[in-house]
Amino acid sequence: MRKSTLIAAVSTLMLAACGGDAGSDGGESLSMEEVAEITQDSAIKPEPGQYSVTTEVLEVNIPGAPEGMADMMSSSMGRNAHSYCLSQDDVDNGFEEMAKQSQEGSDCTFERYDIDDGGDMDAKMVCNMQGQGEMTMTMSGTGSTTGSEMDIAMEGNIAGMGDMSMRMKVSHERTGDCT
């Protein structure tokens, strides 16, 4: 599912972004590439290593959908986990390549992107997904050099499904050196 790939990429970017601040006051939108560039100078950099990512769907709401469809989506997406290796090059490069890859098939900009030196995060992103509709994501949570916890709320109109909203929790945790 494209949305889960985008969420993982965005939350990884947010993990790497601790200490940045952009687009929060002037109403100016920022591209994923601009946000990735801002992370280059962040105060808190993630440690390279193996990370475990857990995504838990908390709520799915699709008004007008056939009965049980939201439950079916929630249980199929449910709680899943995967891992990835964050190399020193990834940290040094500020995730520019990851930000570019996350844009394939979508057009996303940040309306708000605030991350303080203590690791508190607050962001709002709007994505136009080719052939799938528009999705607005608000993200809040905390991050450190070895992980992050984010609450993500998604709202939008998805082609073929209509209006929908979803809430999820995404956690990144460093589990050791890359294998």
Protein backbone atom coordinates (compact mmCIF):
# COMPACT_ATOMS: atom_id res chain seq x y z
CA MET A 1 0.00 0.00 0.00
CA ARG A 2 1.55 3.32 -1.11
CA LYS A 3 0.30 5.22 1.95
CA SER A 4 2.23 2.97 4.33
CA THR A 5 5.44 3.46 2.32
CA LEU A 6 4.96 7.22 2.48
CA ILE A 7 4.24 7.12 6.22
CA ALA A 8 7.37 5.08 6.88
CA ALA A 9 9.49 7.47 4.81
CA VAL A 10 8.04 10.53 6.48
CA SER A 11 8.42 9.15 9.99
CA THR A 12 12.03 8.15 9.21
CA LEU A 13 12.64 11.69 7.99
CA MET A 14 11.05 13.04 11.17
CA LEU A 15 13.36 10.82 13.26
CA ALA A 16 16.31 12.37 11.45
CA ALA A 17 14.96 15.89 11.74
CA CYS A 18 15.20 16.52 15.46
CA GLY A 19 16.20 20.15 15.93
CA GLY A 20 14.78 21.63 12.70
CA ASP A 21 12.05 24.25 12.32
CA ALA A 22 10.35 25.34 9.14
CA GLY A 23 7.11 26.52 7.61
CA SER A 24 5.46 27.04 10.97
CA ASP A 25 4.64 30.73 10.95
CA GLY A 26 4.43 32.21 7.48
CA GLY A 27 2.00 29.71 5.97
CA GLU A 28 4.69 28.90 3.41
CA SER A 29 4.70 25.30 2.17
CA LEU A 30 7.92 23.32 2.03
CA SER A 31 8.74 20.39 -0.24
CA MET A 32 10.11 17.10 1.11
CA GLU A 33 13.49 18.05 -0.39
CA GLU A 34 13.49 21.39 1.47
CA VAL A 35 12.63 19.65 4.74
CA ALA A 36 15.39 17.09 4.12
CA GLU A 37 17.83 19.96 3.58
CA ILE A 38 16.77 21.55 6.87
CA THR A 39 17.50 18.29 8.73
CA GLN A 40 21.12 18.48 7.61
CA ASP A 41 21.78 21.13 10.29
CA SER A 42 19.65 19.56 13.01
CA ALA A 43 20.81 19.68 16.61
CA ILE A 44 20.05 16.00 17.33
CA LYS A 45 21.21 13.47 14.73
CA PRO A 46 20.07 9.85 14.80
CA GLU A 47 22.69 7.22 15.53
CA PRO A 48 23.50 4.89 12.67
CA GLY A 49 22.31 1.33 13.25
CA GLN A 50 19.52 -1.18 12.85
CA TYR A 51 16.06 0.21 13.66
CA SER A 52 12.77 -1.52 14.29
CA VAL A 53 9.63 0.30 13.10
CA THR A 54 6.25 -0.59 14.52
CA THR A 55 3.08 0.83 12.98
CA GLU A 56 -0.20 0.40 14.84
CA VAL A 57 -3.50 1.44 13.29
CA LEU A 58 -5.65 2.92 16.06
CA GLU A 59 -8.74 3.98 14.13
CA VAL A 60 -10.15 3.85 10.60
CA ASN A 61 -13.25 5.82 9.63
CA ILE A 62 -14.79 5.63 6.14
CA PRO A 63 -18.28 7.19 6.16
CA GLY A 64 -20.59 5.58 3.62
CA ALA A 65 -18.34 2.56 3.06
CA PRO A 66 -19.89 -0.91 3.09
CA GLU A 67 -20.36 -2.24 6.60
CA GLY A 68 -17.20 -3.84 7.92
CA MET A 69 -14.84 -2.22 5.39
CA ALA A 70 -13.17 0.02 8.01
CA ASP A 71 -12.76 -2.97 10.34
CA MET A 72 -11.32 -5.04 7.49
CA MET A 73 -8.81 -2.28 6.65
CA SER A 74 -7.90 -1.82 10.30
CA SER A 75 -7.32 -5.54 10.85
CA SER A 76 -5.39 -6.01 7.57
CA MET A 77 -3.10 -3.08 8.35
CA GLY A 78 -3.40 -3.68 12.10
CA ARG A 79 -0.03 -3.71 13.77
CA ASN A 80 3.02 -4.43 11.70
CA ALA A 81 6.74 -4.15 12.14
CA HIS A 82 9.80 -4.12 9.95
CA SER A 83 13.41 -3.08 10.33
CA TYR A 84 15.88 -1.04 8.36
CA CYS A 85 19.54 -0.14 8.52
CA LEU A 86 20.40 3.54 8.95
CA SER A 87 23.96 3.94 7.70
CA GLN A 88 26.41 6.70 8.57
CA ASP A 89 26.01 7.91 4.97
CA ASP A 90 22.22 8.19 5.51
CA VAL A 91 22.82 10.33 8.60
CA ASP A 92 25.50 12.43 6.87
CA ASN A 93 23.40 12.96 3.73
CA GLY A 94 20.34 14.20 5.64
CA PHE A 95 17.96 11.78 3.89
CA GLU A 96 17.83 13.72 0.64
CA GLU A 97 17.61 10.50 -1.40
CA MET A 98 14.90 9.06 0.87
CA ALA A 99 12.89 12.26 0.51
CA LYS A 100 13.18 12.07 -3.28
CA GLN A 101 12.09 8.41 -3.32
CA SER A 102 9.06 9.16 -1.13
CA GLN A 103 7.87 11.62 -3.77
CA GLU A 104 7.52 8.96 -6.49
CA GLY A 105 3.83 8.90 -7.43
CA SER A 106 2.88 11.70 -5.04
CA ASP A 107 3.25 15.43 -4.56
CA CYS A 108 3.74 16.28 -0.88
CA THR A 109 4.45 19.55 0.88
CA PHE A 110 4.68 20.47 4.54
CA GLU A 111 2.37 23.22 5.77
CA ARG A 112 3.92 23.03 9.25
CA TYR A 113 7.19 21.50 10.37
CA ASP A 114 8.32 22.21 13.93
CA ILE A 115 10.85 20.15 15.85
CA ASP A 116 12.55 21.63 18.89
CA ASP A 117 15.95 20.83 20.38
CA GLY A 118 14.23 18.68 23.03
CA GLY A 119 12.88 16.35 20.36
CA ASP A 120 9.20 17.40 20.40
CA MET A 121 7.71 17.20 16.89
CA ASP A 122 4.66 18.79 15.27
CA ALA A 123 4.06 18.74 11.51
CA LYS A 124 1.32 18.91 8.92
CA MET A 125 1.80 17.55 5.41
CA VAL A 126 -0.52 17.48 2.39
CA CYS A 127 0.01 14.87 -0.33
CA ASN A 128 -1.64 14.61 -3.73
CA MET A 129 -1.25 10.96 -4.67
CA GLN A 130 -1.48 10.36 -8.43
CA GLY A 131 -4.81 8.70 -9.18
CA GLN A 132 -5.58 8.23 -5.48
CA GLY A 133 -6.67 11.67 -4.20
CA GLU A 134 -5.42 14.08 -1.57
CA MET A 135 -4.36 13.16 1.97
CA THR A 136 -3.59 15.51 4.87
CA MET A 137 -1.37 14.11 7.64
CA THR A 138 -0.78 15.72 11.00
CA MET A 139 2.07 14.28 13.03
CA SER A 140 3.11 14.85 16.62
CA GLY A 141 5.46 13.07 18.94
CA THR A 142 8.98 12.94 20.29
CA GLY A 143 12.33 11.88 18.91
CA SER A 144 15.85 11.25 20.13
CA THR A 145 19.13 10.00 18.69
CA THR A 146 17.91 6.38 19.04
CA GLY A 147 14.19 6.47 18.26
CA SER A 148 10.89 8.23 17.96
CA GLU A 149 7.20 7.89 18.84
CA MET A 150 4.72 9.57 16.51
CA ASP A 151 0.97 9.89 16.42
CA ILE A 152 -0.26 10.37 12.87
CA ALA A 153 -3.77 11.42 11.85
CA MET A 154 -4.67 11.15 8.16
CA GLU A 155 -7.70 12.66 6.49
CA GLY A 156 -8.61 12.84 2.85
CA ASN A 157 -10.63 11.78 -0.09
CA ILE A 158 -9.27 8.63 -1.64
CA ALA A 159 -10.29 7.70 -5.19
CA GLY A 160 -12.70 4.78 -5.10
CA MET A 161 -13.30 5.04 -1.34
CA GLY A 162 -14.40 8.64 -0.72
CA ASP A 163 -13.74 10.50 2.50
CA MET A 164 -11.73 8.68 5.12
CA SER A 165 -9.71 9.27 8.25
CA MET A 166 -7.19 7.12 10.02
CA ARG A 167 -5.12 7.40 13.18
CA MET A 168 -1.97 5.44 13.82
CA LYS A 169 1.08 5.28 16.02
CA VAL A 170 4.55 4.80 14.52
CA SER A 171 7.56 3.92 16.70
CA HIS A 172 11.21 3.71 15.65
CA GLU A 173 13.71 2.12 18.01
CA ARG A 174 17.42 1.50 17.51
CA THR A 175 18.02 -2.19 18.17
CA GLY A 176 21.79 -2.42 17.59
CA ASP A 177 24.33 -2.26 14.82
CA CYS A 178 23.33 -2.94 11.23
CA THR A 179 23.32 -6.61 10.32
